[in-house]
PDB file of all heavy atoms in Angstrom:
ATOM      1  N   ARG A   1    -157.446 -87.875-145.559  1.00  0.00           N
ATOM      2  CA  ARG A   1    -157.697 -89.297-145.807  1.00  0.00           C
ATOM      3  C   ARG A   1    -157.789 -90.114-144.530  1.00  0.00           C
ATOM      4  O   ARG A   1    -158.568 -91.067-144.446  1.00  0.00           O
ATOM      5  CB  ARG A   1    -156.586 -89.865-146.696  1.00  0.00           C
ATOM      6  CG  ARG A   1    -156.796 -91.298-147.098  1.00  0.00           C
ATOM      7  CD  ARG A   1    -155.983 -91.645-148.314  1.00  0.00           C
ATOM      8  NE  ARG A   1    -156.314 -92.965-148.815  1.00  0.00           N
ATOM      9  CZ  ARG A   1    -156.001 -93.411-150.015  1.00  0.00           C
ATOM     10  NH1 ARG A   1    -155.360 -92.613-150.852  1.00  0.00           N
ATOM     11  NH2 ARG A   1    -156.308 -94.625-150.398  1.00  0.00           N
ATOM     12  N   HIS A   2    -156.986 -89.772-143.530  1.00  0.00           N
ATOM     13  CA  HIS A   2    -156.916 -90.604-142.327  1.00  0.00           C
ATOM     14  C   HIS A   2    -157.248 -89.850-141.044  1.00  0.00           C
ATOM     15  O   HIS A   2    -157.273 -90.456-139.971  1.00  0.00           O
ATOM     16  CB  HIS A   2    -155.510 -91.196-142.179  1.00  0.00           C
ATOM     17  CG  HIS A   2    -155.050 -91.990-143.362  1.00  0.00           C
ATOM     18  ND1 HIS A   2    -155.521 -93.255-143.640  1.00  0.00           N
ATOM     19  CD2 HIS A   2    -154.161 -91.683-144.351  1.00  0.00           C
ATOM     20  CE1 HIS A   2    -154.931 -93.712-144.750  1.00  0.00           C
ATOM     21  NE2 HIS A   2    -154.107 -92.773-145.194  1.00  0.00           N
ATOM     22  N   GLY A   3    -157.487 -88.549-141.134  1.00  0.00           N
ATOM     23  CA  GLY A   3    -157.631 -87.748-139.922  1.00  0.00           C
ATOM     24  C   GLY A   3    -158.967 -87.843-139.223  1.00  0.00           C
ATOM     25  O   GLY A   3    -159.116 -87.323-138.114  1.00  0.00           O
ATOM     26  N   ALA A   4    -159.962 -88.489-139.844  1.00  0.00           N
ATOM     27  CA  ALA A   4    -161.260 -88.610-139.176  1.00  0.00           C
ATOM     28  C   ALA A   4    -161.124 -89.375-137.866  1.00  0.00           C
ATOM     29  O   ALA A   4    -161.820 -89.091-136.893  1.00  0.00           O
ATOM     30  CB  ALA A   4    -162.264 -89.293-140.097  1.00  0.00           C
ATOM     31  N   ASP A   5    -160.241 -90.347-137.859  1.00  0.00           N
ATOM     32  CA  ASP A   5    -159.937 -91.098-136.644  1.00  0.00           C
ATOM     33  C   ASP A   5    -158.507 -90.741-136.236  1.00  0.00           C
ATOM     34  O   ASP A   5    -157.554 -91.157-136.897  1.00  0.00           O
ATOM     35  CB  ASP A   5    -160.057 -92.596-136.895  1.00  0.00           C
ATOM     36  CG  ASP A   5    -159.758 -93.426-135.652  1.00  0.00           C
ATOM     37  OD1 ASP A   5    -159.388 -92.834-134.609  1.00  0.00           O
ATOM     38  OD2 ASP A   5    -159.885 -94.660-135.714  1.00  0.00           O
ATOM     39  N   PRO A   6    -158.334 -89.966-135.171  1.00  0.00           N
ATOM     40  CA  PRO A   6    -156.974 -89.550-134.766  1.00  0.00           C
ATOM     41  C   PRO A   6    -156.027 -90.720-134.545  1.00  0.00           C
ATOM     42  O   PRO A   6    -154.832 -90.621-134.830  1.00  0.00           O
ATOM     43  CB  PRO A   6    -157.212 -88.779-133.467  1.00  0.00           C
ATOM     44  CG  PRO A   6    -158.628 -88.315-133.560  1.00  0.00           C
ATOM     45  CD  PRO A   6    -159.358 -89.402-134.289  1.00  0.00           C
ATOM     46  N   LEU A   7    -156.557 -91.851-134.060  1.00  0.00           N
ATOM     47  CA  LEU A   7    -155.695 -93.005-133.819  1.00  0.00           C
ATOM     48  C   LEU A   7    -155.240 -93.634-135.130  1.00  0.00           C
ATOM     49  O   LEU A   7    -154.124 -94.156-135.217  1.00  0.00           O
ATOM     50  CB  LEU A   7    -156.432 -94.044-132.967  1.00  0.00           C
ATOM     51  CG  LEU A   7    -156.713 -93.623-131.523  1.00  0.00           C
ATOM     52  CD1 LEU A   7    -157.423 -94.734-130.769  1.00  0.00           C
ATOM     53  CD2 LEU A   7    -155.422 -93.230-130.813  1.00  0.00           C
ATOM     54  N   GLU A   8    -156.082 -93.598-136.149  1.00  0.00           N
ATOM     55  CA  GLU A   8    -155.677 -94.139-137.453  1.00  0.00           C
ATOM     56  C   GLU A   8    -154.500 -93.352-138.012  1.00  0.00           C
ATOM     57  O   GLU A   8    -153.541 -93.923-138.537  1.00  0.00           O
ATOM     58  CB  GLU A   8    -156.843 -94.096-138.441  1.00  0.00           C
ATOM     59  CG  GLU A   8    -156.469 -94.606-139.835  1.00  0.00           C
ATOM     60  CD  GLU A   8    -157.610 -94.470-140.830  1.00  0.00           C
ATOM     61  OE1 GLU A   8    -158.739 -94.179-140.401  1.00  0.00           O
ATOM     62  OE2 GLU A   8    -157.358 -94.646-142.038  1.00  0.00           O
ATOM     63  N   LEU A   9    -154.555 -92.045-137.897  1.00  0.00           N
ATOM     64  CA  LEU A   9    -153.451 -91.210-138.375  1.00  0.00           C
ATOM     65  C   LEU A   9    -152.184 -91.471-137.571  1.00  0.00           C
ATOM     66  O   LEU A   9    -151.087 -91.581-138.125  1.00  0.00           O
ATOM     67  CB  LEU A   9    -153.847 -89.731-138.280  1.00  0.00           C
ATOM     68  CG  LEU A   9    -152.851 -88.730-138.863  1.00  0.00           C
ATOM     69  CD1 LEU A   9    -152.729 -88.915-140.365  1.00  0.00           C
ATOM     70  CD2 LEU A   9    -153.283 -87.301-138.538  1.00  0.00           C
ATOM     71  N   ALA A  10    -152.338 -91.611-136.257  1.00  0.00           N
ATOM     72  CA  ALA A  10    -151.173 -91.798-135.385  1.00  0.00           C
ATOM     73  C   ALA A  10    -150.499 -93.147-135.602  1.00  0.00           C
ATOM     74  O   ALA A  10    -149.298 -93.293-135.345  1.00  0.00           O
ATOM     75  CB  ALA A  10    -151.589 -91.652-133.928  1.00  0.00           C
ATOM     76  N   GLN A  11    -151.244 -94.134-136.066  1.00  0.00           N
ATOM     77  CA  GLN A  11    -150.673 -95.471-136.251  1.00  0.00           C
ATOM     78  C   GLN A  11    -149.939 -95.619-137.581  1.00  0.00           C
ATOM     79  O   GLN A  11    -149.239 -96.607-137.791  1.00  0.00           O
ATOM     80  CB  GLN A  11    -151.788 -96.517-136.164  1.00  0.00           C
ATOM     81  CG  GLN A  11    -152.353 -96.660-134.763  1.00  0.00           C
ATOM     82  CD  GLN A  11    -153.614 -97.517-134.728  1.00  0.00           C
ATOM     83  OE1 GLN A  11    -154.141 -97.903-135.768  1.00  0.00           O
ATOM     84  NE2 GLN A  11    -154.096 -97.792-133.528  1.00  0.00           N
ATOM     85  N   GLY A  12    -150.102 -94.636-138.478  1.00  0.00           N
ATOM     86  CA  GLY A  12    -149.468 -94.720-139.778  1.00  0.00           C
ATOM     87  C   GLY A  12    -147.993 -94.362-139.730  1.00  0.00           C
ATOM     88  O   GLY A  12    -147.460 -93.906-138.717  1.00  0.00           O
ATOM     89  N   MET A  13    -147.317 -94.578-140.853  1.00  0.00           N
ATOM     90  CA  MET A  13    -145.890 -94.288-140.972  1.00  0.00           C
ATOM     91  C   MET A  13    -145.641 -93.558-142.287  1.00  0.00           C
ATOM     92  O   MET A  13    -146.189 -93.917-143.328  1.00  0.00           O
ATOM     93  CB  MET A  13    -145.061 -95.573-140.934  1.00  0.00           C
ATOM     94  CG  MET A  13    -143.556 -95.350-141.096  1.00  0.00           C
ATOM     95  SD  MET A  13    -142.597 -96.900-141.175  1.00  0.00           S
ATOM     96  CE  MET A  13    -142.883 -97.542-139.532  1.00  0.00           C
ATOM     97  N   VAL A  14    -144.811 -92.523-142.230  1.00  0.00           N
ATOM     98  CA  VAL A  14    -144.417 -91.767-143.418  1.00  0.00           C
ATOM     99  C   VAL A  14    -142.904 -91.863-143.544  1.00  0.00           C
ATOM    100  O   VAL A  14    -142.168 -91.400-142.665  1.00  0.00           O
ATOM    101  CB  VAL A  14    -144.863 -90.293-143.328  1.00  0.00           C
ATOM    102  CG1 VAL A  14    -144.470 -89.550-144.606  1.00  0.00           C
ATOM    103  CG2 VAL A  14    -146.371 -90.194-143.102  1.00  0.00           C
ATOM    104  N   LEU A  15    -142.445 -92.465-144.627  1.00  0.00           N
ATOM    105  CA  LEU A  15    -141.011 -92.562-144.902  1.00  0.00           C
ATOM    106  C   LEU A  15    -140.587 -91.330-145.690  1.00  0.00           C
ATOM    107  O   LEU A  15    -141.174 -91.014-146.728  1.00  0.00           O
ATOM    108  CB  LEU A  15    -140.705 -93.821-145.715  1.00  0.00           C
ATOM    109  CG  LEU A  15    -141.157 -95.153-145.120  1.00  0.00           C
ATOM    110  CD1 LEU A  15    -140.774 -96.299-146.046  1.00  0.00           C
ATOM    111  CD2 LEU A  15    -140.564 -95.367-143.736  1.00  0.00           C
ATOM    112  N   LEU A  16    -139.564 -90.642-145.205  1.00  0.00           N
ATOM    113  CA  LEU A  16    -139.108 -89.394-145.812  1.00  0.00           C
ATOM    114  C   LEU A  16    -137.611 -89.476-146.095  1.00  0.00           C
ATOM    115  O   LEU A  16    -136.902 -90.296-145.507  1.00  0.00           O
ATOM    116  CB  LEU A  16    -139.414 -88.222-144.864  1.00  0.00           C
ATOM    117  CG  LEU A  16    -140.923 -87.971-144.649  1.00  0.00           C
ATOM    118  CD1 LEU A  16    -141.147 -87.105-143.418  1.00  0.00           C
ATOM    119  CD2 LEU A  16    -141.543 -87.325-145.866  1.00  0.00           C
ATOM    120  N   PRO A  17    -137.111 -88.623-146.990  1.00  0.00           N
ATOM    121  CA  PRO A  17    -135.710 -88.778-147.416  1.00  0.00           C
ATOM    122  C   PRO A  17    -134.669 -88.467-146.358  1.00  0.00           C
ATOM    123  O   PRO A  17    -133.616 -89.096-146.332  1.00  0.00           O
ATOM    124  CB  PRO A  17    -135.599 -87.827-148.614  1.00  0.00           C
ATOM    125  CG  PRO A  17    -136.713 -86.854-148.449  1.00  0.00           C
ATOM    126  CD  PRO A  17    -137.818 -87.611-147.792  1.00  0.00           C
ATOM    127  N   ASN A  18    -134.910 -87.492-145.484  1.00  0.00           N
ATOM    128  CA  ASN A  18    -133.878 -87.100-144.526  1.00  0.00           C
ATOM    129  C   ASN A  18    -134.522 -86.387-143.341  1.00  0.00           C
ATOM    130  O   ASN A  18    -135.747 -86.165-143.300  1.00  0.00           O
ATOM    131  CB  ASN A  18    -132.828 -86.202-145.196  1.00  0.00           C
ATOM    132  CG  ASN A  18    -133.467 -85.088-146.005  1.00  0.00           C
ATOM    133  OD1 ASN A  18    -134.365 -84.397-145.529  1.00  0.00           O
ATOM    134  ND2 ASN A  18    -133.018 -84.910-147.238  1.00  0.00           N
ATOM    135  N   ASN A  19    -133.705 -86.034-142.374  1.00  0.00           N
ATOM    136  CA  ASN A  19    -134.208 -85.399-141.154  1.00  0.00           C
ATOM    137  C   ASN A  19    -134.784 -84.014-141.419  1.00  0.00           C
ATOM    138  O   ASN A  19    -135.700 -83.572-140.715  1.00  0.00           O
ATOM    139  CB  ASN A  19    -133.084 -85.311-140.117  1.00  0.00           C
ATOM    140  CG  ASN A  19    -132.675 -86.669-139.585  1.00  0.00           C
ATOM    141  OD1 ASN A  19    -133.504 -87.568-139.490  1.00  0.00           O
ATOM    142  ND2 ASN A  19    -131.409 -86.833-139.260  1.00  0.00           N
ATOM    143  N   ARG A  20    -134.252 -83.319-142.408  1.00  0.00           N
ATOM    144  CA  ARG A  20    -134.803 -82.008-142.762  1.00  0.00           C
ATOM    145  C   ARG A  20    -136.244 -82.148-143.250  1.00  0.00           C
ATOM    146  O   ARG A  20    -137.111 -81.353-142.891  1.00  0.00           O
ATOM    147  CB  ARG A  20    -133.937 -81.357-143.840  1.00  0.00           C
ATOM    148  CG  ARG A  20    -134.379 -79.952-144.223  1.00  0.00           C
ATOM    149  CD  ARG A  20    -133.405 -79.289-145.176  1.00  0.00           C
ATOM    150  NE  ARG A  20    -133.262 -80.036-146.419  1.00  0.00           N
ATOM    151  CZ  ARG A  20    -132.214 -80.776-146.743  1.00  0.00           C
ATOM    152  NH1 ARG A  20    -131.205 -80.901-145.897  1.00  0.00           N
ATOM    153  NH2 ARG A  20    -132.152 -81.407-147.890  1.00  0.00           N
ATOM    154  N   ALA A  21    -136.505 -83.180-144.042  1.00  0.00           N
ATOM    155  CA  ALA A  21    -137.867 -83.422-144.520  1.00  0.00           C
ATOM    156  C   ALA A  21    -138.789 -83.805-143.369  1.00  0.00           C
ATOM    157  O   ALA A  21    -139.963 -83.420-143.353  1.00  0.00           O
ATOM    158  CB  ALA A  21    -137.855 -84.516-145.583  1.00  0.00           C
ATOM    159  N   VAL A  22    -138.262 -84.544-142.403  1.00  0.00           N
ATOM    160  CA  VAL A  22    -139.071 -84.907-141.232  1.00  0.00           C
ATOM    161  C   VAL A  22    -139.511 -83.656-140.491  1.00  0.00           C
ATOM    162  O   VAL A  22    -140.688 -83.521-140.095  1.00  0.00           O
ATOM    163  CB  VAL A  22    -138.270 -85.844-140.301  1.00  0.00           C
ATOM    164  CG1 VAL A  22    -138.961 -85.974-138.938  1.00  0.00           C
ATOM    165  CG2 VAL A  22    -138.112 -87.220-140.941  1.00  0.00           C
ATOM    166  N   ARG A  23    -138.602 -82.714-140.300  1.00  0.00           N
ATOM    167  CA  ARG A  23    -138.964 -81.467-139.617  1.00  0.00           C
ATOM    168  C   ARG A  23    -139.986 -80.672-140.422  1.00  0.00           C
ATOM    169  O   ARG A  23    -140.946 -80.124-139.862  1.00  0.00           O
ATOM    170  CB  ARG A  23    -137.708 -80.636-139.360  1.00  0.00           C
ATOM    171  CG  ARG A  23    -136.760 -81.232-138.329  1.00  0.00           C
ATOM    172  CD  ARG A  23    -135.665 -80.248-137.938  1.00  0.00           C
ATOM    173  NE  ARG A  23    -134.783 -79.958-139.063  1.00  0.00           N
ATOM    174  CZ  ARG A  23    -133.677 -80.642-139.330  1.00  0.00           C
ATOM    175  NH1 ARG A  23    -133.332 -81.667-138.583  1.00  0.00           N
ATOM    176  NH2 ARG A  23    -132.909 -80.305-140.357  1.00  0.00           N
ATOM    177  N   ALA A  24    -139.789 -80.604-141.727  1.00  0.00           N
ATOM    178  CA  ALA A  24    -140.700 -79.836-142.573  1.00  0.00           C
ATOM    179  C   ALA A  24    -142.101 -80.428-142.570  1.00  0.00           C
ATOM    180  O   ALA A  24    -143.098 -79.697-142.468  1.00  0.00           O
ATOM    181  CB  ALA A  24    -140.154 -79.766-143.998  1.00  0.00           C
ATOM    182  N   VAL A  25    -142.206 -81.744-142.676  1.00  0.00           N
ATOM    183  CA  VAL A  25    -143.520 -82.393-142.691  1.00  0.00           C
ATOM    184  C   VAL A  25    -144.166 -82.298-141.312  1.00  0.00           C
ATOM    185  O   VAL A  25    -145.380 -82.086-141.192  1.00  0.00           O
ATOM    186  CB  VAL A  25    -143.398 -83.850-143.151  1.00  0.00           C
ATOM    187  CG1 VAL A  25    -144.718 -84.597-142.980  1.00  0.00           C
ATOM    188  CG2 VAL A  25    -142.963 -83.904-144.619  1.00  0.00           C
ATOM    189  N   GLY A  26    -143.370 -82.435-140.253  1.00  0.00           N
ATOM    190  CA  GLY A  26    -143.938 -82.283-138.917  1.00  0.00           C
ATOM    191  C   GLY A  26    -144.513 -80.894-138.701  1.00  0.00           C
ATOM    192  O   GLY A  26    -145.619 -80.744-138.156  1.00  0.00           O
ATOM    193  N   ASP A  27    -143.796 -79.873-139.161  1.00  0.00           N
ATOM    194  CA  ASP A  27    -144.312 -78.500-139.057  1.00  0.00           C
ATOM    195  C   ASP A  27    -145.569 -78.327-139.908  1.00  0.00           C
ATOM    196  O   ASP A  27    -146.502 -77.611-139.509  1.00  0.00           O
ATOM    197  CB  ASP A  27    -143.241 -77.503-139.514  1.00  0.00           C
ATOM    198  CG  ASP A  27    -142.060 -77.426-138.553  1.00  0.00           C
ATOM    199  OD1 ASP A  27    -142.210 -77.893-137.403  1.00  0.00           O
ATOM    200  OD2 ASP A  27    -140.998 -76.918-138.960  1.00  0.00           O
ATOM    201  N   ALA A  28    -145.602 -78.974-141.065  1.00  0.00           N
ATOM    202  CA  ALA A  28    -146.771 -78.864-141.931  1.00  0.00           C
ATOM    203  C   ALA A  28    -148.001 -79.487-141.281  1.00  0.00           C
ATOM    204  O   ALA A  28    -149.122 -78.966-141.407  1.00  0.00           O
ATOM    205  CB  ALA A  28    -146.489 -79.529-143.277  1.00  0.00           C
ATOM    206  N   PHE A  29    -147.817 -80.601-140.572  1.00  0.00           N
ATOM    207  CA  PHE A  29    -148.940 -81.211-139.858  1.00  0.00           C
ATOM    208  C   PHE A  29    -149.476 -80.251-138.790  1.00  0.00           C
ATOM    209  O   PHE A  29    -150.692 -80.139-138.600  1.00  0.00           O
ATOM    210  CB  PHE A  29    -148.514 -82.527-139.215  1.00  0.00           C
ATOM    211  CG  PHE A  29    -148.721 -83.732-140.087  1.00  0.00           C
ATOM    212  CD1 PHE A  29    -147.643 -84.419-140.609  1.00  0.00           C
ATOM    213  CD2 PHE A  29    -149.998 -84.181-140.380  1.00  0.00           C
ATOM    214  CE1 PHE A  29    -147.822 -85.533-141.412  1.00  0.00           C
ATOM    215  CE2 PHE A  29    -150.199 -85.293-141.185  1.00  0.00           C
ATOM    216  CZ  PHE A  29    -149.099 -85.972-141.706  1.00  0.00           C
ATOM    217  N   VAL A  30    -148.565 -79.569-138.100  1.00  0.00           N
ATOM    218  CA  VAL A  30    -148.996 -78.617-137.069  1.00  0.00           C
ATOM    219  C   VAL A  30    -149.811 -77.497-137.697  1.00  0.00           C
ATOM    220  O   VAL A  30    -150.863 -77.095-137.174  1.00  0.00           O
ATOM    221  CB  VAL A  30    -147.774 -78.053-136.314  1.00  0.00           C
ATOM    222  CG1 VAL A  30    -148.200 -76.931-135.373  1.00  0.00           C
ATOM    223  CG2 VAL A  30    -147.072 -79.168-135.543  1.00  0.00           C
ATOM    224  N   ARG A  31    -149.355 -76.976-138.831  1.00  0.00           N
ATOM    225  CA  ARG A  31    -150.091 -75.906-139.511  1.00  0.00           C
ATOM    226  C   ARG A  31    -151.456 -76.382-139.991  1.00  0.00           C
ATOM    227  O   ARG A  31    -152.452 -75.662-139.888  1.00  0.00           O
ATOM    228  CB  ARG A  31    -149.286 -75.369-140.691  1.00  0.00           C
ATOM    229  CG  ARG A  31    -148.063 -74.570-140.310  1.00  0.00           C
ATOM    230  CD  ARG A  31    -147.483 -73.838-141.505  1.00  0.00           C
ATOM    231  NE  ARG A  31    -146.964 -74.759-142.503  1.00  0.00           N
ATOM    232  CZ  ARG A  31    -145.714 -75.219-142.528  1.00  0.00           C
ATOM    233  NH1 ARG A  31    -144.855 -74.829-141.589  1.00  0.00           N
ATOM    234  NH2 ARG A  31    -145.307 -76.044-143.464  1.00  0.00           N
ATOM    235  N   ALA A  32    -151.509 -77.611-140.499  1.00  0.00           N
ATOM    236  CA  ALA A  32    -152.768 -78.109-141.071  1.00  0.00           C
ATOM    237  C   ALA A  32    -153.759 -78.552-140.016  1.00  0.00           C
ATOM    238  O   ALA A  32    -154.970 -78.575-140.272  1.00  0.00           O
ATOM    239  CB  ALA A  32    -152.472 -79.267-142.025  1.00  0.00           C
ATOM    240  N   SER A  33    -153.285 -78.889-138.813  1.00  0.00           N
ATOM    241  CA  SER A  33    -154.183 -79.444-137.795  1.00  0.00           C
ATOM    242  C   SER A  33    -155.044 -78.391-137.126  1.00  0.00           C
ATOM    243  O   SER A  33    -156.155 -78.668-136.700  1.00  0.00           O
ATOM    244  CB  SER A  33    -153.366 -80.168-136.730  1.00  0.00           C
ATOM    245  OG  SER A  33    -152.565 -79.245-136.003  1.00  0.00           O
ATOM    246  N   ARG A  34    -154.492 -77.160-137.010  1.00  0.00           N
ATOM    247  CA  ARG A  34    -155.212 -76.073-136.327  1.00  0.00           C
ATOM    248  C   ARG A  34    -155.614 -76.471-134.912  1.00  0.00           C
ATOM    249  O   ARG A  34    -156.678 -76.122-134.409  1.00  0.00           O
ATOM    250  CB  ARG A  34    -156.445 -75.666-137.120  1.00  0.00           C
ATOM    251  CG  ARG A  34    -156.132 -75.153-138.513  1.00  0.00           C
ATOM    252  CD  ARG A  34    -157.384 -74.763-139.260  1.00  0.00           C
ATOM    253  NE  ARG A  34    -157.075 -74.303-140.606  1.00  0.00           N
ATOM    254  CZ  ARG A  34    -157.994 -73.918-141.494  1.00  0.00           C
ATOM    255  NH1 ARG A  34    -159.274 -73.930-141.167  1.00  0.00           N
ATOM    256  NH2 ARG A  34    -157.623 -73.528-142.698  1.00  0.00           N
ATOM    257  N   GLY A  35    -154.771 -77.223-134.262  1.00  0.00           N
ATOM    258  CA  GLY A  35    -155.063 -77.656-132.902  1.00  0.00           C
ATOM    259  C   GLY A  35    -154.250 -78.899-132.582  1.00  0.00           C
ATOM    260  O   GLY A  35    -153.236 -79.182-133.211  1.00  0.00           O
ATOM    261  N   GLY A  36    -154.698 -79.673-131.601  1.00  0.00           N
ATOM    262  CA  GLY A  36    -153.983 -80.874-131.218  1.00  0.00           C
ATOM    263  C   GLY A  36    -154.088 -81.952-132.285  1.00  0.00           C
ATOM    264  O   GLY A  36    -155.113 -82.092-132.955  1.00  0.00           O
TER     265      GLY A  36
END
């Protein structure tokens, strides 16, 4: 939805329940990005 413009994605905010969820979602972004 927002990845066409890397800056648009970077400016967004995702509220998550706890620090464990933050780590899980961060790892998921790395897997889905296939790069920087």
